PDB file of N, CA and C in Angstrom:
ATOM      1  N   MET A   1      -0.043 -18.965   3.043  1.00  0.00           N
ATOM      2  CA  MET A   1      -0.156 -18.042   1.930  1.00  0.00           C
ATOM      3  C   MET A   1      -0.490 -18.809   0.651  1.00  0.00           C
ATOM      4  N   SER A   2      -1.652 -18.546   0.121  1.00  0.00           N
ATOM      5  CA  SER A   2      -2.102 -19.273  -1.063  1.00  0.00           C
ATOM      6  C   SER A   2      -1.787 -18.528  -2.355  1.00  0.00           C
ATOM      7  N   GLY A   3      -1.494 -17.267  -2.279  1.00  0.00           N
ATOM      8  CA  GLY A   3      -1.257 -16.471  -3.470  1.00  0.00           C
ATOM      9  C   GLY A   3      -2.546 -16.003  -4.128  1.00  0.00           C
ATOM     10  N   ILE A   4      -3.671 -16.345  -3.522  1.00  0.00           N
ATOM     11  CA  ILE A   4      -4.974 -15.932  -4.044  1.00  0.00           C
ATOM     12  C   ILE A   4      -5.463 -14.736  -3.233  1.00  0.00           C
ATOM     13  N   TYR A   5      -5.877 -13.694  -3.941  1.00  0.00           N
ATOM     14  CA  TYR A   5      -6.369 -12.502  -3.263  1.00  0.00           C
ATOM     15  C   TYR A   5      -7.822 -12.691  -2.856  1.00  0.00           C
ATOM     16  N   THR A   6      -8.118 -12.336  -1.624  1.00  0.00           N
ATOM     17  CA  THR A   6      -9.470 -12.474  -1.087  1.00  0.00           C
ATOM     18  C   THR A   6      -9.809 -11.204  -0.318  1.00  0.00           C
ATOM     19  N   VAL A   7     -11.040 -11.120   0.130  1.00  0.00           N
ATOM     20  CA  VAL A   7     -11.429  -9.995   0.985  1.00  0.00           C
ATOM     21  C   VAL A   7     -10.544  -9.985   2.226  1.00  0.00           C
ATOM     22  N   LYS A   8     -10.307 -11.173   2.786  1.00  0.00           N
ATOM     23  CA  LYS A   8      -9.485 -11.260   3.991  1.00  0.00           C
ATOM     24  C   LYS A   8      -8.071 -10.747   3.729  1.00  0.00           C
ATOM     25  N   SER A   9      -7.466 -11.127   2.596  1.00  0.00           N
ATOM     26  CA  SER A   9      -6.103 -10.663   2.320  1.00  0.00           C
ATOM     27  C   SER A   9      -6.078  -9.156   2.071  1.00  0.00           C
ATOM     28  N   ASP A  10      -7.138  -8.630   1.447  1.00  0.00           N
ATOM     29  CA  ASP A  10      -7.220  -7.179   1.237  1.00  0.00           C
ATOM     30  C   ASP A  10      -7.316  -6.433   2.566  1.00  0.00           C
ATOM     31  N   VAL A  11      -8.149  -6.938   3.461  1.00  0.00           N
ATOM     32  CA  VAL A  11      -8.320  -6.299   4.772  1.00  0.00           C
ATOM     33  C   VAL A  11      -7.012  -6.362   5.552  1.00  0.00           C
ATOM     34  N   TYR A  12      -6.362  -7.526   5.539  1.00  0.00           N
ATOM     35  CA  TYR A  12      -5.086  -7.692   6.237  1.00  0.00           C
ATOM     36  C   TYR A  12      -4.054  -6.706   5.678  1.00  0.00           C
ATOM     37  N   SER A  13      -3.960  -6.626   4.356  1.00  0.00           N
ATOM     38  CA  SER A  13      -3.006  -5.712   3.719  1.00  0.00           C
ATOM     39  C   SER A  13      -3.289  -4.259   4.084  1.00  0.00           C
ATOM     40  N   PHE A  14      -4.560  -3.908   4.134  1.00  0.00           N
ATOM     41  CA  PHE A  14      -4.950  -2.559   4.546  1.00  0.00           C
ATOM     42  C   PHE A  14      -4.453  -2.284   5.964  1.00  0.00           C
ATOM     43  N   GLY A  15      -4.608  -3.264   6.853  1.00  0.00           N
ATOM     44  CA  GLY A  15      -4.120  -3.125   8.227  1.00  0.00           C
ATOM     45  C   GLY A  15      -2.612  -2.963   8.286  1.00  0.00           C
ATOM     46  N   VAL A  16      -1.903  -3.692   7.433  1.00  0.00           N
ATOM     47  CA  VAL A  16      -0.437  -3.582   7.393  1.00  0.00           C
ATOM     48  C   VAL A  16      -0.027  -2.187   6.923  1.00  0.00           C
ATOM     49  N   VAL A  17      -0.698  -1.673   5.905  1.00  0.00           N
ATOM     50  CA  VAL A  17      -0.393  -0.312   5.421  1.00  0.00           C
ATOM     51  C   VAL A  17      -0.649   0.710   6.533  1.00  0.00           C
ATOM     52  N   MET A  18      -1.750   0.549   7.248  1.00  0.00           N
ATOM     53  CA  MET A  18      -2.043   1.462   8.358  1.00  0.00           C
ATOM     54  C   MET A  18      -0.960   1.367   9.435  1.00  0.00           C
ATOM     55  N   LEU A  19      -0.480   0.158   9.678  1.00  0.00           N
ATOM     56  CA  LEU A  19       0.576  -0.052  10.664  1.00  0.00           C
ATOM     57  C   LEU A  19       1.874   0.604  10.208  1.00  0.00           C
ATOM     58  N   GLU A  20       2.166   0.540   8.920  1.00  0.00           N
ATOM     59  CA  GLU A  20       3.340   1.221   8.370  1.00  0.00           C
ATOM     60  C   GLU A  20       3.218   2.734   8.576  1.00  0.00           C
ATOM     61  N   LEU A  21       2.030   3.276   8.321  1.00  0.00           N
ATOM     62  CA  LEU A  21       1.814   4.714   8.513  1.00  0.00           C
ATOM     63  C   LEU A  21       1.981   5.110   9.978  1.00  0.00           C
ATOM     64  N   LEU A  22       1.470   4.273  10.865  1.00  0.00           N
ATOM     65  CA  LEU A  22       1.543   4.550  12.296  1.00  0.00           C
ATOM     66  C   LEU A  22       2.972   4.537  12.816  1.00  0.00           C
ATOM     67  N   THR A  23       3.743   3.539  12.388  1.00  0.00           N
ATOM     68  CA  THR A  23       5.073   3.328  12.971  1.00  0.00           C
ATOM     69  C   THR A  23       6.224   3.882  12.140  1.00  0.00           C
ATOM     70  N   GLY A  24       6.002   4.070  10.849  1.00  0.00           N
ATOM     71  CA  GLY A  24       7.091   4.488   9.979  1.00  0.00           C
ATOM     72  C   GLY A  24       8.047   3.348   9.666  1.00  0.00           C
ATOM     73  N   ARG A  25       7.614   2.109   9.931  1.00  0.00           N
ATOM     74  CA  ARG A  25       8.463   0.938   9.717  1.00  0.00           C
ATOM     75  C   ARG A  25       7.990   0.119   8.527  1.00  0.00           C
ATOM     76  N   LYS A  26       8.907  -0.707   8.001  1.00  0.00           N
ATOM     77  CA  LYS A  26       8.590  -1.628   6.915  1.00  0.00           C
ATOM     78  C   LYS A  26       7.877  -2.860   7.480  1.00  0.00           C
ATOM     79  N   PRO A  27       7.069  -3.539   6.647  1.00  0.00           N
ATOM     80  CA  PRO A  27       6.386  -4.749   7.124  1.00  0.00           C
ATOM     81  C   PRO A  27       7.358  -5.856   7.543  1.00  0.00           C
ATOM     82  N   LEU A  28       8.451  -5.984   6.824  1.00  0.00           N
ATOM     83  CA  LEU A  28       9.500  -6.942   7.167  1.00  0.00           C
ATOM     84  C   LEU A  28      10.832  -6.209   7.139  1.00  0.00           C
ATOM     85  N   ASP A  29      11.607  -6.358   8.195  1.00  0.00           N
ATOM     86  CA  ASP A  29      12.880  -5.646   8.300  1.00  0.00           C
ATOM     87  C   ASP A  29      13.918  -6.559   8.946  1.00  0.00           C
ATOM     88  N   SER A  30      14.750  -7.183   8.108  1.00  0.00           N
ATOM     89  CA  SER A  30      15.741  -8.143   8.604  1.00  0.00           C
ATOM     90  C   SER A  30      16.887  -7.475   9.355  1.00  0.00           C
ATOM     91  N   SER A  31      16.962  -6.150   9.328  1.00  0.00           N
ATOM     92  CA  SER A  31      18.032  -5.462  10.061  1.00  0.00           C
ATOM     93  C   SER A  31      17.699  -5.317  11.551  1.00  0.00           C
ATOM     94  N   ARG A  32      16.471  -5.623  11.926  1.00  0.00           N
ATOM     95  CA  ARG A  32      16.051  -5.523  13.331  1.00  0.00           C
ATOM     96  C   ARG A  32      16.264  -6.855  14.044  1.00  0.00           C
ATOM     97  N   GLU A  33      16.156  -6.801  15.385  1.00  0.00           N
ATOM     98  CA  GLU A  33      16.221  -8.030  16.169  1.00  0.00           C
ATOM     99  C   GLU A  33      15.141  -8.980  15.674  1.00  0.00           C
ATOM    100  N   ARG A  34      15.383 -10.268  15.817  1.00  0.00           N
ATOM    101  CA  ARG A  34      14.448 -11.280  15.305  1.00  0.00           C
ATOM    102  C   ARG A  34      13.011 -11.042  15.790  1.00  0.00           C
ATOM    103  N   SER A  35      12.842 -10.678  17.046  1.00  0.00           N
ATOM    104  CA  SER A  35      11.493 -10.472  17.604  1.00  0.00           C
ATOM    105  C   SER A  35      10.792  -9.236  17.034  1.00  0.00           C
ATOM    106  N   GLU A  36      11.536  -8.380  16.331  1.00  0.00           N
ATOM    107  CA  GLU A  36      10.960  -7.150  15.771  1.00  0.00           C
ATOM    108  C   GLU A  36      10.976  -7.126  14.247  1.00  0.00           C
ATOM    109  N   GLN A  37      11.385  -8.223  13.605  1.00  0.00           N
ATOM    110  CA  GLN A  37      11.499  -8.233  12.147  1.00  0.00           C
ATOM    111  C   GLN A  37      10.146  -8.167  11.441  1.00  0.00           C
ATOM    112  N   SER A  38       9.147  -8.844  11.970  1.00  0.00           N
ATOM    113  CA  SER A  38       7.801  -8.794  11.394  1.00  0.00           C
ATOM    114  C   SER A  38       7.030  -7.682  12.094  1.00  0.00           C
ATOM    115  N   LEU A  39       6.660  -6.673  11.344  1.00  0.00           N
ATOM    116  CA  LEU A  39       5.962  -5.523  11.920  1.00  0.00           C
ATOM    117  C   LEU A  39       4.656  -5.944  12.592  1.00  0.00           C
ATOM    118  N   VAL A  40       3.878  -6.779  11.937  1.00  0.00           N
ATOM    119  CA  VAL A  40       2.592  -7.193  12.507  1.00  0.00           C
ATOM    120  C   VAL A  40       2.801  -7.971  13.797  1.00  0.00           C
ATOM    121  N   ARG A  41       3.724  -8.928  13.781  1.00  0.00           N
ATOM    122  CA  ARG A  41       3.963  -9.741  14.978  1.00  0.00           C
ATOM    123  C   ARG A  41       4.476  -8.892  16.134  1.00  0.00           C
ATOM    124  N   TRP A  42       5.331  -7.926  15.829  1.00  0.00           N
ATOM    125  CA  TRP A  42       5.891  -7.058  16.865  1.00  0.00           C
ATOM    126  C   TRP A  42       4.835  -6.090  17.411  1.00  0.00           C
ATOM    127  N   ALA A  43       4.051  -5.504  16.527  1.00  0.00           N
ATOM    128  CA  ALA A  43       3.153  -4.418  16.923  1.00  0.00           C
ATOM    129  C   ALA A  43       1.829  -4.875  17.522  1.00  0.00           C
ATOM    130  N   THR A  44       1.288  -5.980  17.047  1.00  0.00           N
ATOM    131  CA  THR A  44      -0.053  -6.398  17.463  1.00  0.00           C
ATOM    132  C   THR A  44      -0.248  -6.438  18.978  1.00  0.00           C
ATOM    133  N   PRO A  45       0.673  -7.027  19.751  1.00  0.00           N
ATOM    134  CA  PRO A  45       0.455  -7.062  21.203  1.00  0.00           C
ATOM    135  C   PRO A  45       0.445  -5.675  21.862  1.00  0.00           C
ATOM    136  N   GLN A  46       0.988  -4.688  21.179  1.00  0.00           N
ATOM    137  CA  GLN A  46       1.095  -3.347  21.750  1.00  0.00           C
ATOM    138  C   GLN A  46      -0.083  -2.442  21.400  1.00  0.00           C
ATOM    139  N   LEU A  47      -0.935  -2.881  20.502  1.00  0.00           N
ATOM    140  CA  LEU A  47      -1.997  -2.018  19.991  1.00  0.00           C
ATOM    141  C   LEU A  47      -3.062  -1.648  21.019  1.00  0.00           C
ATOM    142  N   HIS A  48      -3.197  -2.424  22.081  1.00  0.00           N
ATOM    143  CA  HIS A  48      -4.241  -2.145  23.072  1.00  0.00           C
ATOM    144  C   HIS A  48      -3.687  -1.601  24.383  1.00  0.00           C
ATOM    145  N   ASP A  49      -2.417  -1.257  24.391  1.00  0.00           N
ATOM    146  CA  ASP A  49      -1.795  -0.660  25.579  1.00  0.00           C
ATOM    147  C   ASP A  49      -1.401   0.765  25.204  1.00  0.00           C
ATOM    148  N   ILE A  50      -2.110   1.749  25.710  1.00  0.00           N
ATOM    149  CA  ILE A  50      -1.929   3.140  25.278  1.00  0.00           C
ATOM    150  C   ILE A  50      -0.503   3.639  25.481  1.00  0.00           C
ATOM    151  N   ASP A  51       0.168   3.191  26.549  1.00  0.00           N
ATOM    152  CA  ASP A  51       1.547   3.625  26.783  1.00  0.00           C
ATOM    153  C   ASP A  51       2.493   3.034  25.742  1.00  0.00           C
ATOM    154  N   LEU A  52       2.356   1.736  25.477  1.00  0.00           N
ATOM    155  CA  LEU A  52       3.190   1.092  24.461  1.00  0.00           C
ATOM    156  C   LEU A  52       2.852   1.625  23.075  1.00  0.00           C
ATOM    157  N   LEU A  53       1.590   1.856  22.835  1.00  0.00           N
ATOM    158  CA  LEU A  53       1.135   2.379  21.552  1.00  0.00           C
ATOM    159  C   LEU A  53       1.779   3.729  21.259  1.00  0.00           C
ATOM    160  N   ALA A  54       1.791   4.600  22.225  1.00  0.00           N
ATOM    161  CA  ALA A  54       2.383   5.931  22.039  1.00  0.00           C
ATOM    162  C   ALA A  54       3.874   5.841  21.727  1.00  0.00           C
ATOM    163  N   LYS A  55       4.549   4.830  22.272  1.00  0.00           N
ATOM    164  CA  LYS A  55       5.990   4.668  22.044  1.00  0.00           C
ATOM    165  C   LYS A  55       6.309   4.114  20.660  1.00  0.00           C
ATOM    166  N   MET A  56       5.351   3.433  20.037  1.00  0.00           N
ATOM    167  CA  MET A  56       5.627   2.840  18.731  1.00  0.00           C
ATOM    168  C   MET A  56       5.268   3.758  17.559  1.00  0.00           C
ATOM    169  N   VAL A  57       4.692   4.914  17.849  1.00  0.00           N
ATOM    170  CA  VAL A  57       4.328   5.870  16.796  1.00  0.00           C
ATOM    171  C   VAL A  57       5.594   6.442  16.153  1.00  0.00           C
ATOM    172  N   ASP A  58       5.543   6.610  14.855  1.00  0.00           N
ATOM    173  CA  ASP A  58       6.637   7.209  14.101  1.00  0.00           C
ATOM    174  C   ASP A  58       7.018   8.537  14.749  1.00  0.00           C
ATOM    175  N   PRO A  59       8.293   8.719  15.115  1.00  0.00           N
ATOM    176  CA  PRO A  59       8.718   9.969  15.757  1.00  0.00           C
ATOM    177  C   PRO A  59       8.389  11.218  14.929  1.00  0.00           C
ATOM    178  N   ALA A  60       8.288  11.069  13.620  1.00  0.00           N
ATOM    179  CA  ALA A  60       7.951  12.213  12.763  1.00  0.00           C
ATOM    180  C   ALA A  60       6.529  12.707  13.013  1.00  0.00           C
ATOM    181  N   MET A  61       5.690  11.875  13.630  1.00  0.00           N
ATOM    182  CA  MET A  61       4.302  12.258  13.917  1.00  0.00           C
ATOM    183  C   MET A  61       4.114  12.705  15.356  1.00  0.00           C
ATOM    184  N   ASP A  62       5.168  12.789  16.098  1.00  0.00           N
ATOM    185  CA  ASP A  62       5.079  13.099  17.524  1.00  0.00           C
ATOM    186  C   ASP A  62       4.263  14.361  17.783  1.00  0.00           C
ATOM    187  N   GLY A  63       3.172  14.191  18.516  1.00  0.00           N
ATOM    188  CA  GLY A  63       2.338  15.316  18.914  1.00  0.00           C
ATOM    189  C   GLY A  63       1.390  15.835  17.850  1.00  0.00           C
ATOM    190  N   LEU A  64       1.343  15.197  16.695  1.00  0.00           N
ATOM    191  CA  LEU A  64       0.501  15.682  15.602  1.00  0.00           C
ATOM    192  C   LEU A  64      -0.869  15.008  15.549  1.00  0.00           C
ATOM    193  N   TYR A  65      -1.241  14.327  16.610  1.00  0.00           N
ATOM    194  CA  TYR A  65      -2.488  13.579  16.612  1.00  0.00           C
ATOM    195  C   TYR A  65      -3.087  13.581  18.016  1.00  0.00           C
ATOM    196  N   PRO A  66      -4.400  13.566  18.126  1.00  0.00           N
ATOM    197  CA  PRO A  66      -5.033  13.436  19.445  1.00  0.00           C
ATOM    198  C   PRO A  66      -4.941  11.980  19.920  1.00  0.00           C
ATOM    199  N   ALA A  67      -4.792  11.777  21.215  1.00  0.00           N
ATOM    200  CA  ALA A  67      -4.658  10.433  21.783  1.00  0.00           C
ATOM    201  C   ALA A  67      -5.854   9.549  21.431  1.00  0.00           C
ATOM    202  N   LYS A  68      -7.052  10.120  21.424  1.00  0.00           N
ATOM    203  CA  LYS A  68      -8.248   9.333  21.102  1.00  0.00           C
ATOM    204  C   LYS A  68      -8.175   8.809  19.669  1.00  0.00           C
ATOM    205  N   SER A  69      -7.691   9.627  18.754  1.00  0.00           N
ATOM    206  CA  SER A  69      -7.561   9.196  17.363  1.00  0.00           C
ATOM    207  C   SER A  69      -6.533   8.084  17.237  1.00  0.00           C
ATOM    208  N   LEU A  70      -5.453   8.186  17.982  1.00  0.00           N
ATOM    209  CA  LEU A  70      -4.423   7.153  17.970  1.00  0.00           C
ATOM    210  C   LEU A  70      -5.013   5.822  18.424  1.00  0.00           C
ATOM    211  N   SER A  71      -5.775   5.851  19.475  1.00  0.00           N
ATOM    212  CA  SER A  71      -6.390   4.641  20.007  1.00  0.00           C
ATOM    213  C   SER A  71      -7.376   4.032  19.010  1.00  0.00           C
ATOM    214  N   ARG A  72      -8.174   4.855  18.380  1.00  0.00           N
ATOM    215  CA  ARG A  72      -9.144   4.357  17.387  1.00  0.00           C
ATOM    216  C   ARG A  72      -8.429   3.801  16.162  1.00  0.00           C
ATOM    217  N   PHE A  73      -7.359   4.452  15.739  1.00  0.00           N
ATOM    218  CA  PHE A  73      -6.559   3.984  14.607  1.00  0.00           C
ATOM    219  C   PHE A  73      -5.994   2.603  14.928  1.00  0.00           C
ATOM    220  N   ALA A  74      -5.483   2.446  16.143  1.00  0.00           N
ATOM    221  CA  ALA A  74      -4.923   1.164  16.581  1.00  0.00           C
ATOM    222  C   ALA A  74      -6.002   0.086  16.629  1.00  0.00           C
ATOM    223  N   ASP A  75      -7.202   0.446  17.048  1.00  0.00           N
ATOM    224  CA  ASP A  75      -8.306  -0.521  17.076  1.00  0.00           C
ATOM    225  C   ASP A  75      -8.619  -1.038  15.671  1.00  0.00           C
ATOM    226  N   ILE A  76      -8.622  -0.141  14.709  1.00  0.00           N
ATOM    227  CA  ILE A  76      -8.884  -0.534  13.321  1.00  0.00           C
ATOM    228  C   ILE A  76      -7.787  -1.468  12.828  1.00  0.00           C
ATOM    229  N   ILE A  77      -6.541  -1.124  13.117  1.00  0.00           N
ATOM    230  CA  ILE A  77      -5.421  -1.980  12.711  1.00  0.00           C
ATOM    231  C   ILE A  77      -5.581  -3.375  13.307  1.00  0.00           C
ATOM    232  N   ALA A  78      -5.870  -3.438  14.598  1.00  0.00           N
ATOM    233  CA  ALA A  78      -5.997  -4.728  15.284  1.00  0.00           C
ATOM    234  C   ALA A  78      -7.083  -5.591  14.643  1.00  0.00           C
ATOM    235  N   ILE A  79      -8.187  -4.978  14.259  1.00  0.00           N
ATOM    236  CA  ILE A  79      -9.268  -5.720  13.608  1.00  0.00           C
ATOM    237  C   ILE A  79      -8.808  -6.242  12.248  1.00  0.00           C
ATOM    238  N   CYS A  80      -8.115  -5.417  11.505  1.00  0.00           N
ATOM    239  CA  CYS A  80      -7.712  -5.784  10.145  1.00  0.00           C
ATOM    240  C   CYS A  80      -6.635  -6.864  10.100  1.00  0.00           C
ATOM    241  N   VAL A  81      -5.740  -6.904  11.061  1.00  0.00           N
ATOM    242  CA  VAL A  81      -4.633  -7.868  11.002  1.00  0.00           C
ATOM    243  C   VAL A  81      -4.901  -9.146  11.793  1.00  0.00           C
ATOM    244  N   GLN A  82      -6.145  -9.360  12.199  1.00  0.00           N
ATOM    245  CA  GLN A  82      -6.493 -10.627  12.852  1.00  0.00           C
ATOM    246  C   GLN A  82      -6.145 -11.778  11.919  1.00  0.00           C
ATOM    247  N   VAL A  83      -5.716 -12.889  12.489  1.00  0.00           N
ATOM    248  CA  VAL A  83      -5.351 -14.038  11.662  1.00  0.00           C
ATOM    249  C   VAL A  83      -6.317 -15.206  11.799  1.00  0.00           C
ATOM    250  N   HIS A  84      -7.393 -15.042  12.532  1.00  0.00           N
ATOM    251  CA  HIS A  84      -8.347 -16.128  12.729  1.00  0.00           C
ATOM    252  C   HIS A  84      -9.272 -16.231  11.517  1.00  0.00           C
ATOM    253  N   PRO A  85      -9.169 -17.323  10.751  1.00  0.00           N
ATOM    254  CA  PRO A  85      -9.997 -17.448   9.546  1.00  0.00           C
ATOM    255  C   PRO A  85     -11.496 -17.351   9.811  1.00  0.00           C
ATOM    256  N   SER A  86     -11.955 -17.803  10.955  1.00  0.00           N
ATOM    257  CA  SER A  86     -13.387 -17.753  11.238  1.00  0.00           C
ATOM    258  C   SER A  86     -13.888 -16.325  11.425  1.00  0.00           C
ATOM    259  N   CYS A  87     -12.974 -15.397  11.587  1.00  0.00           N
ATOM    260  CA  CYS A  87     -13.351 -13.997  11.800  1.00  0.00           C
ATOM    261  C   CYS A  87     -13.301 -13.193  10.504  1.00  0.00           C
ATOM    262  N   CYS A  88     -13.050 -13.840   9.394  1.00  0.00           N
ATOM    263  CA  CYS A  88     -12.813 -13.126   8.139  1.00  0.00           C
ATOM    264  C   CYS A  88     -13.925 -12.149   7.784  1.00  0.00           C
ATOM    265  N   ILE A  89     -15.146 -12.619   7.719  1.00  0.00           N
ATOM    266  CA  ILE A  89     -16.248 -11.745   7.312  1.00  0.00           C
ATOM    267  C   ILE A  89     -16.466 -10.659   8.348  1.00  0.00           C
ATOM    268  N   TRP A  90     -16.465 -11.049   9.626  1.00  0.00           N
ATOM    269  CA  TRP A  90     -16.645 -10.067  10.697  1.00  0.00           C
ATOM    270  C   TRP A  90     -15.547  -9.019  10.642  1.00  0.00           C
ATOM    271  N   ALA A  91     -14.312  -9.466  10.470  1.00  0.00           N
ATOM    272  CA  ALA A  91     -13.184  -8.531  10.456  1.00  0.00           C
ATOM    273  C   ALA A  91     -13.291  -7.568   9.287  1.00  0.00           C
ATOM    274  N   SER A  92     -13.620  -8.078   8.112  1.00  0.00           N
ATOM    275  CA  SER A  92     -13.676  -7.194   6.954  1.00  0.00           C
ATOM    276  C   SER A  92     -14.779  -6.155   7.107  1.00  0.00           C
ATOM    277  N   LEU A  93     -15.940  -6.582   7.535  1.00  0.00           N
ATOM    278  CA  LEU A  93     -17.043  -5.635   7.718  1.00  0.00           C
ATOM    279  C   LEU A  93     -16.751  -4.664   8.852  1.00  0.00           C
ATOM    280  N   ASN A  94     -16.249  -5.182   9.951  1.00  0.00           N
ATOM    281  CA  ASN A  94     -15.964  -4.352  11.109  1.00  0.00           C
ATOM    282  C   ASN A  94     -14.859  -3.346  10.802  1.00  0.00           C
ATOM    283  N   CYS A  95     -13.844  -3.789  10.077  1.00  0.00           N
ATOM    284  CA  CYS A  95     -12.733  -2.903   9.725  1.00  0.00           C
ATOM    285  C   CYS A  95     -13.243  -1.734   8.883  1.00  0.00           C
ATOM    286  N   TYR A  96     -14.005  -2.032   7.843  1.00  0.00           N
ATOM    287  CA  TYR A  96     -14.498  -0.968   6.986  1.00  0.00           C
ATOM    288  C   TYR A  96     -15.498  -0.065   7.708  1.00  0.00           C
ATOM    289  N   ASN A  97     -16.320  -0.641   8.563  1.00  0.00           N
ATOM    290  CA  ASN A  97     -17.249   0.183   9.339  1.00  0.00           C
ATOM    291  C   ASN A  97     -16.491   1.141  10.249  1.00  0.00           C
ATOM    292  N   HIS A  98     -15.407   0.663  10.870  1.00  0.00           N
ATOM    293  CA  HIS A  98     -14.603   1.532  11.727  1.00  0.00           C
ATOM    294  C   HIS A  98     -13.950   2.646  10.909  1.00  0.00           C
ATOM    295  N   VAL A  99     -13.466   2.308   9.720  1.00  0.00           N
ATOM    296  CA  VAL A  99     -12.822   3.323   8.884  1.00  0.00           C
ATOM    297  C   VAL A  99     -13.833   4.384   8.478  1.00  0.00           C
ATOM    298  N   ILE A 100     -15.012   3.957   8.082  1.00  0.00           N
ATOM    299  CA  ILE A 100     -16.049   4.899   7.667  1.00  0.00           C
ATOM    300  C   ILE A 100     -16.453   5.808   8.827  1.00  0.00           C
ATOM    301  N   ALA A 101     -16.519   5.242  10.034  1.00  0.00           N
ATOM    302  CA  ALA A 101     -16.952   6.010  11.205  1.00  0.00           C
ATOM    303  C   ALA A 101     -15.821   6.789  11.858  1.00  0.00           C
ATOM    304  N   PHE A 102     -14.590   6.615  11.391  1.00  0.00           N
ATOM    305  CA  PHE A 102     -13.427   7.257  12.009  1.00  0.00           C
ATOM    306  C   PHE A 102     -13.552   8.773  11.919  1.00  0.00           C
ATOM    307  N   LYS A 103     -13.459   9.398  13.078  1.00  0.00           N
ATOM    308  CA  LYS A 103     -13.559  10.865  13.116  1.00  0.00           C
ATOM    309  C   LYS A 103     -12.448  11.419  13.951  1.00  0.00           C
TER     310      LYS A 103
END
């Protein structure tokens, strides 16, 4: 963490906000088990498994969304929260393109 805002940090933050909306959880929660304290670290492995994905959705949203939309939303999140620096430009462009095309 450099403390400098960049396109990459903006895209990552956007992904974290989307993850908060999806799960109803805080980005960091010290009241949870250690393996679940970081929302991004906990959620990222589950974003591409439709069964696990459905279980991590905020209970307040239960049944209020089509499964296809949930999957596409998760795909956008996964692109935005990538941590590979070499993917920065690709991730930012791809993330915004997915958001624009989201239907």
